[in-house]
Amino acid sequence: MHMILQPEGWAKPIGYANGVAATGRQVFVGGQIGWNAQCRFETDDFVGQVRQTLLNVVAVLAEAGARPEHVTTMTWYFTDKAEYLDNLKGIGQAYREVMGKHFPAMAAIQVVALVEDRAKIEIQATAVIPD
């Protein structure tokens, strides 16, 4: 469906791809955060917010007929690098439960704050639905 770009001799990344090539209809998912469909936070737990954020990304994708395996790139913004690193196992589990074993090109960035004060994570994604 998509071609993973892995330069020869490079160490294989864990949990993401260095690059992805794809052709088809593009879907752009604006930054999603860890609140529910009624814009209410159900948890302040970091992994819980990651799970809800990923569910929100998948819900937006579905509106275009896209699925998690169509995602080509994701950018993760979080407010606390230490909290992110301390929760990698739980994040990985939540990711696999929602997105499966599909690992697009990703970037992870610590930011000073997100617009919603309770938000700990925001994820932006691009998907390509094959022709």
N, C-alpha and C. Protein backbone atom coordinates (compact mmCIF):
# COMPACT_ATOMS: atom_id res chain seq x y z
N MET A 1 0.82 -1.19 0.00
CA MET A 1 0.00 0.00 0.00
C MET A 1 0.87 1.26 0.00
N HIS A 2 1.74 1.39 0.97
CA HIS A 2 2.71 2.48 1.04
C HIS A 2 4.11 1.87 1.05
N MET A 3 5.07 2.63 0.59
CA MET A 3 6.44 2.14 0.60
C MET A 3 7.20 2.80 1.75
N ILE A 4 7.72 1.99 2.65
CA ILE A 4 8.53 2.49 3.76
C ILE A 4 9.91 2.82 3.22
N LEU A 5 10.41 3.99 3.56
CA LEU A 5 11.72 4.46 3.09
C LEU A 5 12.75 4.22 4.19
N GLN A 6 13.60 3.23 3.97
CA GLN A 6 14.62 2.85 4.94
C GLN A 6 15.97 2.83 4.24
N PRO A 7 16.74 3.92 4.35
CA PRO A 7 18.05 3.95 3.67
C PRO A 7 18.95 2.78 4.08
N GLU A 8 19.64 2.25 3.11
CA GLU A 8 20.54 1.13 3.34
C GLU A 8 21.59 1.51 4.39
N GLY A 9 21.80 0.58 5.32
CA GLY A 9 22.81 0.78 6.35
C GLY A 9 22.31 1.52 7.58
N TRP A 10 21.10 2.09 7.52
CA TRP A 10 20.56 2.80 8.67
C TRP A 10 19.96 1.81 9.66
N ALA A 11 20.09 2.08 10.94
CA ALA A 11 19.44 1.27 11.97
C ALA A 11 17.93 1.38 11.79
N LYS A 12 17.23 0.25 11.93
CA LYS A 12 15.78 0.25 11.79
C LYS A 12 15.15 0.97 12.98
N PRO A 13 14.29 1.96 12.72
CA PRO A 13 13.64 2.67 13.82
C PRO A 13 12.59 1.78 14.50
N ILE A 14 12.34 2.05 15.76
CA ILE A 14 11.36 1.29 16.53
C ILE A 14 10.14 2.19 16.76
N GLY A 15 8.99 1.76 16.25
CA GLY A 15 7.75 2.50 16.49
C GLY A 15 7.47 3.60 15.50
N TYR A 16 8.27 3.75 14.47
CA TYR A 16 8.03 4.76 13.45
C TYR A 16 8.84 4.41 12.22
N ALA A 17 8.60 5.11 11.12
CA ALA A 17 9.38 4.94 9.90
C ALA A 17 10.15 6.23 9.64
N ASN A 18 11.31 6.11 9.01
CA ASN A 18 12.06 7.31 8.63
C ASN A 18 11.35 8.09 7.54
N GLY A 19 10.64 7.39 6.68
CA GLY A 19 9.89 8.04 5.61
C GLY A 19 8.91 7.06 4.99
N VAL A 20 7.93 7.61 4.28
CA VAL A 20 6.90 6.82 3.62
C VAL A 20 6.60 7.46 2.28
N ALA A 21 6.54 6.66 1.22
CA ALA A 21 6.11 7.13 -0.09
C ALA A 21 4.73 6.55 -0.37
N ALA A 22 3.82 7.38 -0.89
CA ALA A 22 2.45 6.92 -1.14
C ALA A 22 1.83 7.73 -2.27
N THR A 23 0.89 7.12 -2.96
CA THR A 23 0.10 7.84 -3.95
C THR A 23 -1.37 7.57 -3.66
N GLY A 24 -2.23 8.56 -3.94
CA GLY A 24 -3.66 8.41 -3.71
C GLY A 24 -4.26 9.70 -3.21
N ARG A 25 -5.45 9.59 -2.60
CA ARG A 25 -6.17 10.75 -2.07
C ARG A 25 -5.64 11.08 -0.68
N GLN A 26 -5.25 12.32 -0.48
CA GLN A 26 -4.67 12.74 0.79
C GLN A 26 -5.75 13.18 1.77
N VAL A 27 -5.54 12.85 3.04
CA VAL A 27 -6.42 13.26 4.13
C VAL A 27 -5.55 13.93 5.18
N PHE A 28 -5.92 15.14 5.57
CA PHE A 28 -5.15 15.89 6.56
C PHE A 28 -5.96 16.00 7.84
N VAL A 29 -5.42 15.49 8.93
CA VAL A 29 -6.10 15.52 10.22
C VAL A 29 -5.47 16.62 11.06
N GLY A 30 -6.28 17.62 11.40
CA GLY A 30 -5.81 18.70 12.26
C GLY A 30 -5.47 18.19 13.64
N GLY A 31 -4.77 18.97 14.40
CA GLY A 31 -4.33 18.56 15.73
C GLY A 31 -5.48 18.09 16.60
N GLN A 32 -5.39 16.86 17.06
CA GLN A 32 -6.38 16.27 17.95
C GLN A 32 -5.79 16.16 19.34
N ILE A 33 -6.63 16.34 20.35
CA ILE A 33 -6.18 16.23 21.73
C ILE A 33 -6.99 15.16 22.44
N GLY A 34 -6.69 14.95 23.71
CA GLY A 34 -7.25 13.83 24.46
C GLY A 34 -8.58 14.08 25.13
N TRP A 35 -9.47 14.80 24.47
CA TRP A 35 -10.81 14.92 25.01
C TRP A 35 -11.78 14.13 24.16
N ASN A 36 -13.00 13.94 24.68
CA ASN A 36 -13.98 13.12 23.99
C ASN A 36 -14.73 13.94 22.94
N ALA A 37 -15.73 13.33 22.32
CA ALA A 37 -16.49 13.98 21.24
C ALA A 37 -17.26 15.21 21.71
N GLN A 38 -17.49 15.32 23.01
CA GLN A 38 -18.17 16.49 23.56
C GLN A 38 -17.18 17.54 24.09
N CYS A 39 -15.92 17.39 23.71
CA CYS A 39 -14.85 18.33 24.11
C CYS A 39 -14.66 18.37 25.63
N ARG A 40 -14.75 17.18 26.26
CA ARG A 40 -14.53 17.05 27.70
C ARG A 40 -13.42 16.05 27.95
N PHE A 41 -12.52 16.41 28.85
CA PHE A 41 -11.46 15.49 29.24
C PHE A 41 -12.02 14.49 30.24
N GLU A 42 -11.76 13.21 30.00
CA GLU A 42 -12.19 12.17 30.92
C GLU A 42 -11.05 11.74 31.84
N THR A 43 -9.81 12.17 31.51
CA THR A 43 -8.65 11.79 32.34
C THR A 43 -7.54 12.81 32.17
N ASP A 44 -6.72 12.91 33.20
CA ASP A 44 -5.48 13.69 33.13
C ASP A 44 -4.28 12.76 33.02
N ASP A 45 -4.53 11.45 32.95
CA ASP A 45 -3.48 10.46 32.78
C ASP A 45 -2.89 10.60 31.37
N PHE A 46 -1.57 10.64 31.27
CA PHE A 46 -0.91 10.85 29.99
C PHE A 46 -1.28 9.77 28.98
N VAL A 47 -1.15 8.51 29.36
CA VAL A 47 -1.46 7.41 28.43
C VAL A 47 -2.94 7.43 28.07
N GLY A 48 -3.80 7.74 29.00
CA GLY A 48 -5.23 7.84 28.72
C GLY A 48 -5.52 8.92 27.70
N GLN A 49 -4.83 10.05 27.81
CA GLN A 49 -5.02 11.11 26.83
C GLN A 49 -4.44 10.72 25.47
N VAL A 50 -3.31 10.00 25.46
CA VAL A 50 -2.76 9.51 24.18
C VAL A 50 -3.78 8.60 23.50
N ARG A 51 -4.34 7.66 24.25
CA ARG A 51 -5.33 6.73 23.68
C ARG A 51 -6.51 7.50 23.09
N GLN A 52 -7.07 8.44 23.85
CA GLN A 52 -8.22 9.20 23.36
C GLN A 52 -7.83 10.05 22.14
N THR A 53 -6.64 10.62 22.16
CA THR A 53 -6.19 11.42 21.02
C THR A 53 -6.11 10.55 19.77
N LEU A 54 -5.55 9.36 19.89
CA LEU A 54 -5.47 8.45 18.75
C LEU A 54 -6.85 8.03 18.28
N LEU A 55 -7.76 7.79 19.21
CA LEU A 55 -9.14 7.47 18.82
C LEU A 55 -9.77 8.62 18.05
N ASN A 56 -9.47 9.84 18.45
CA ASN A 56 -9.98 11.02 17.75
C ASN A 56 -9.41 11.11 16.34
N VAL A 57 -8.12 10.83 16.20
CA VAL A 57 -7.48 10.82 14.87
C VAL A 57 -8.19 9.79 13.99
N VAL A 58 -8.42 8.59 14.51
CA VAL A 58 -9.06 7.53 13.74
C VAL A 58 -10.50 7.92 13.36
N ALA A 59 -11.20 8.61 14.24
CA ALA A 59 -12.57 9.04 13.95
C ALA A 59 -12.58 10.04 12.79
N VAL A 60 -11.64 10.96 12.78
CA VAL A 60 -11.56 11.93 11.68
C VAL A 60 -11.19 11.22 10.39
N LEU A 61 -10.24 10.31 10.45
CA LEU A 61 -9.86 9.53 9.26
C LEU A 61 -11.07 8.81 8.67
N ALA A 62 -11.88 8.22 9.53
CA ALA A 62 -13.04 7.44 9.08
C ALA A 62 -14.01 8.31 8.28
N GLU A 63 -14.10 9.58 8.60
CA GLU A 63 -14.99 10.48 7.86
C GLU A 63 -14.61 10.57 6.39
N ALA A 64 -13.34 10.32 6.07
CA ALA A 64 -12.86 10.34 4.68
C ALA A 64 -12.75 8.94 4.09
N GLY A 65 -13.15 7.94 4.86
CA GLY A 65 -13.01 6.56 4.40
C GLY A 65 -11.61 6.02 4.58
N ALA A 66 -10.82 6.67 5.42
CA ALA A 66 -9.44 6.25 5.67
C ALA A 66 -9.38 5.42 6.95
N ARG A 67 -8.35 4.61 7.04
CA ARG A 67 -8.11 3.75 8.20
C ARG A 67 -6.70 4.04 8.74
N PRO A 68 -6.39 3.56 9.93
CA PRO A 68 -5.07 3.81 10.50
C PRO A 68 -3.91 3.43 9.58
N GLU A 69 -4.05 2.34 8.82
CA GLU A 69 -2.95 1.91 7.96
C GLU A 69 -2.72 2.85 6.78
N HIS A 70 -3.60 3.83 6.58
CA HIS A 70 -3.42 4.83 5.52
C HIS A 70 -2.57 6.02 6.00
N VAL A 71 -2.33 6.11 7.30
CA VAL A 71 -1.56 7.24 7.83
C VAL A 71 -0.12 7.14 7.33
N THR A 72 0.37 8.24 6.78
CA THR A 72 1.75 8.29 6.28
C THR A 72 2.67 9.07 7.19
N THR A 73 2.12 10.02 7.94
CA THR A 73 2.95 10.81 8.85
C THR A 73 2.13 11.31 10.02
N MET A 74 2.78 11.42 11.17
CA MET A 74 2.16 11.96 12.37
C MET A 74 3.16 12.86 13.07
N THR A 75 2.64 13.94 13.63
CA THR A 75 3.46 14.80 14.48
C THR A 75 2.80 14.85 15.85
N TRP A 76 3.57 14.48 16.87
CA TRP A 76 3.09 14.45 18.24
C TRP A 76 3.68 15.65 18.98
N TYR A 77 2.81 16.41 19.62
CA TYR A 77 3.23 17.54 20.46
C TYR A 77 2.82 17.20 21.89
N PHE A 78 3.76 17.28 22.81
CA PHE A 78 3.44 17.00 24.21
C PHE A 78 4.07 18.06 25.08
N THR A 79 3.51 18.24 26.27
CA THR A 79 3.94 19.32 27.15
C THR A 79 5.04 18.92 28.13
N ASP A 80 5.34 17.63 28.22
CA ASP A 80 6.35 17.18 29.19
C ASP A 80 7.12 16.00 28.62
N LYS A 81 8.35 16.25 28.19
CA LYS A 81 9.19 15.20 27.60
C LYS A 81 9.41 14.06 28.58
N ALA A 82 9.66 14.37 29.84
CA ALA A 82 9.91 13.34 30.84
C ALA A 82 8.68 12.45 31.00
N GLU A 83 7.49 13.04 31.02
CA GLU A 83 6.27 12.25 31.15
C GLU A 83 6.09 11.35 29.92
N TYR A 84 6.40 11.86 28.75
CA TYR A 84 6.35 11.07 27.52
C TYR A 84 7.31 9.88 27.62
N LEU A 85 8.56 10.15 27.96
CA LEU A 85 9.57 9.09 28.03
C LEU A 85 9.26 8.08 29.14
N ASP A 86 8.72 8.54 30.25
CA ASP A 86 8.38 7.65 31.36
C ASP A 86 7.20 6.73 31.04
N ASN A 87 6.46 7.02 29.99
CA ASN A 87 5.25 6.26 29.66
C ASN A 87 5.33 5.56 28.31
N LEU A 88 6.53 5.33 27.79
CA LEU A 88 6.68 4.74 26.46
C LEU A 88 5.99 3.38 26.32
N LYS A 89 6.08 2.55 27.34
CA LYS A 89 5.44 1.23 27.26
C LYS A 89 3.93 1.38 27.13
N GLY A 90 3.33 2.19 27.96
CA GLY A 90 1.88 2.41 27.89
C GLY A 90 1.46 3.10 26.61
N ILE A 91 2.27 4.04 26.15
CA ILE A 91 1.99 4.72 24.89
C ILE A 91 2.01 3.70 23.75
N GLY A 92 3.03 2.84 23.74
CA GLY A 92 3.14 1.82 22.71
C GLY A 92 1.94 0.89 22.71
N GLN A 93 1.49 0.50 23.88
CA GLN A 93 0.34 -0.39 23.99
C GLN A 93 -0.91 0.30 23.47
N ALA A 94 -1.13 1.55 23.89
CA ALA A 94 -2.30 2.30 23.42
C ALA A 94 -2.25 2.49 21.91
N TYR A 95 -1.06 2.78 21.39
CA TYR A 95 -0.89 2.97 19.95
C TYR A 95 -1.28 1.71 19.19
N ARG A 96 -0.75 0.57 19.61
CA ARG A 96 -1.04 -0.69 18.91
C ARG A 96 -2.52 -1.05 19.00
N GLU A 97 -3.15 -0.76 20.14
CA GLU A 97 -4.58 -1.05 20.30
C GLU A 97 -5.43 -0.23 19.33
N VAL A 98 -5.05 1.01 19.11
CA VAL A 98 -5.85 1.91 18.26
C VAL A 98 -5.39 1.90 16.81
N MET A 99 -4.08 1.94 16.59
CA MET A 99 -3.53 2.09 15.24
C MET A 99 -3.05 0.78 14.63
N GLY A 100 -2.92 -0.25 15.44
CA GLY A 100 -2.39 -1.52 14.95
C GLY A 100 -0.88 -1.49 14.89
N LYS A 101 -0.32 -2.32 14.06
CA LYS A 101 1.14 -2.40 13.93
C LYS A 101 1.60 -1.67 12.68
N HIS A 102 1.01 -0.52 12.45
CA HIS A 102 1.36 0.34 11.32
C HIS A 102 2.12 1.54 11.89
N PHE A 103 3.34 1.75 11.41
CA PHE A 103 4.18 2.80 11.97
C PHE A 103 4.62 3.77 10.88
N PRO A 104 3.93 4.92 10.77
CA PRO A 104 4.25 5.92 9.76
C PRO A 104 5.48 6.74 10.14
N ALA A 105 5.85 7.64 9.27
CA ALA A 105 6.89 8.61 9.61
C ALA A 105 6.35 9.48 10.75
N MET A 106 7.17 9.72 11.77
CA MET A 106 6.70 10.48 12.93
C MET A 106 7.74 11.47 13.41
N ALA A 107 7.23 12.51 14.05
CA ALA A 107 8.06 13.45 14.79
C ALA A 107 7.41 13.64 16.15
N ALA A 108 8.20 13.84 17.17
CA ALA A 108 7.71 14.07 18.53
C ALA A 108 8.39 15.32 19.06
N ILE A 109 7.57 16.27 19.53
CA ILE A 109 8.08 17.58 19.90
C ILE A 109 7.52 18.00 21.25
N GLN A 110 8.39 18.44 22.15
CA GLN A 110 7.92 19.02 23.41
C GLN A 110 7.60 20.49 23.16
N VAL A 111 6.44 20.92 23.64
CA VAL A 111 6.03 22.32 23.52
C VAL A 111 5.81 22.89 24.91
N VAL A 112 5.82 24.19 25.01
CA VAL A 112 5.62 24.84 26.30
C VAL A 112 4.21 24.61 26.82
N ALA A 113 3.23 24.69 25.91
CA ALA A 113 1.84 24.51 26.30
C ALA A 113 1.02 24.21 25.05
N LEU A 114 -0.17 23.67 25.27
CA LEU A 114 -1.15 23.49 24.20
C LEU A 114 -2.30 24.45 24.48
N VAL A 115 -3.13 24.72 23.50
CA VAL A 115 -4.19 25.71 23.67
C VAL A 115 -5.14 25.33 24.80
N GLU A 116 -5.51 24.05 24.88
CA GLU A 116 -6.36 23.59 25.98
C GLU A 116 -5.47 23.26 27.17
N ASP A 117 -5.69 23.90 28.29
CA ASP A 117 -4.80 23.76 29.45
C ASP A 117 -4.66 22.33 29.95
N ARG A 118 -5.72 21.53 29.90
CA ARG A 118 -5.64 20.15 30.41
C ARG A 118 -5.00 19.19 29.42
N ALA A 119 -4.85 19.61 28.18
CA ALA A 119 -4.28 18.73 27.16
C ALA A 119 -2.80 18.50 27.43
N LYS A 120 -2.40 17.25 27.38
CA LYS A 120 -1.00 16.87 27.56
C LYS A 120 -0.37 16.46 26.25
N ILE A 121 -1.20 16.15 25.23
CA ILE A 121 -0.72 15.63 23.94
C ILE A 121 -1.63 16.18 22.84
N GLU A 122 -1.03 16.47 21.70
CA GLU A 122 -1.78 16.83 20.50
C GLU A 122 -1.12 16.10 19.34
N ILE A 123 -1.93 15.50 18.48
CA ILE A 123 -1.39 14.74 17.35
C ILE A 123 -2.03 15.24 16.06
N GLN A 124 -1.17 15.52 15.10
CA GLN A 124 -1.58 15.90 13.75
C GLN A 124 -1.16 14.77 12.83
N ALA A 125 -1.99 14.45 11.84
CA ALA A 125 -1.69 13.30 10.97
C ALA A 125 -2.04 13.60 9.51
N THR A 126 -1.35 12.90 8.62
CA THR A 126 -1.67 12.90 7.20
C THR A 126 -1.81 11.45 6.77
N ALA A 127 -2.83 11.18 5.99
CA ALA A 127 -3.06 9.84 5.46
C ALA A 127 -3.18 9.92 3.94
N VAL A 128 -2.89 8.82 3.29
CA VAL A 128 -3.08 8.71 1.84
C VAL A 128 -3.86 7.43 1.58
N ILE A 129 -5.07 7.63 1.02
CA ILE A 129 -5.90 6.49 0.65
C ILE A 129 -5.49 6.07 -0.76
N PRO A 130 -5.03 4.84 -0.93
CA PRO A 130 -4.55 4.41 -2.25
C PRO A 130 -5.64 4.53 -3.32
N ASP A 131 -5.20 4.78 -4.54
CA ASP A 131 -6.12 4.83 -5.69
C ASP A 131 -6.74 3.47 -5.95
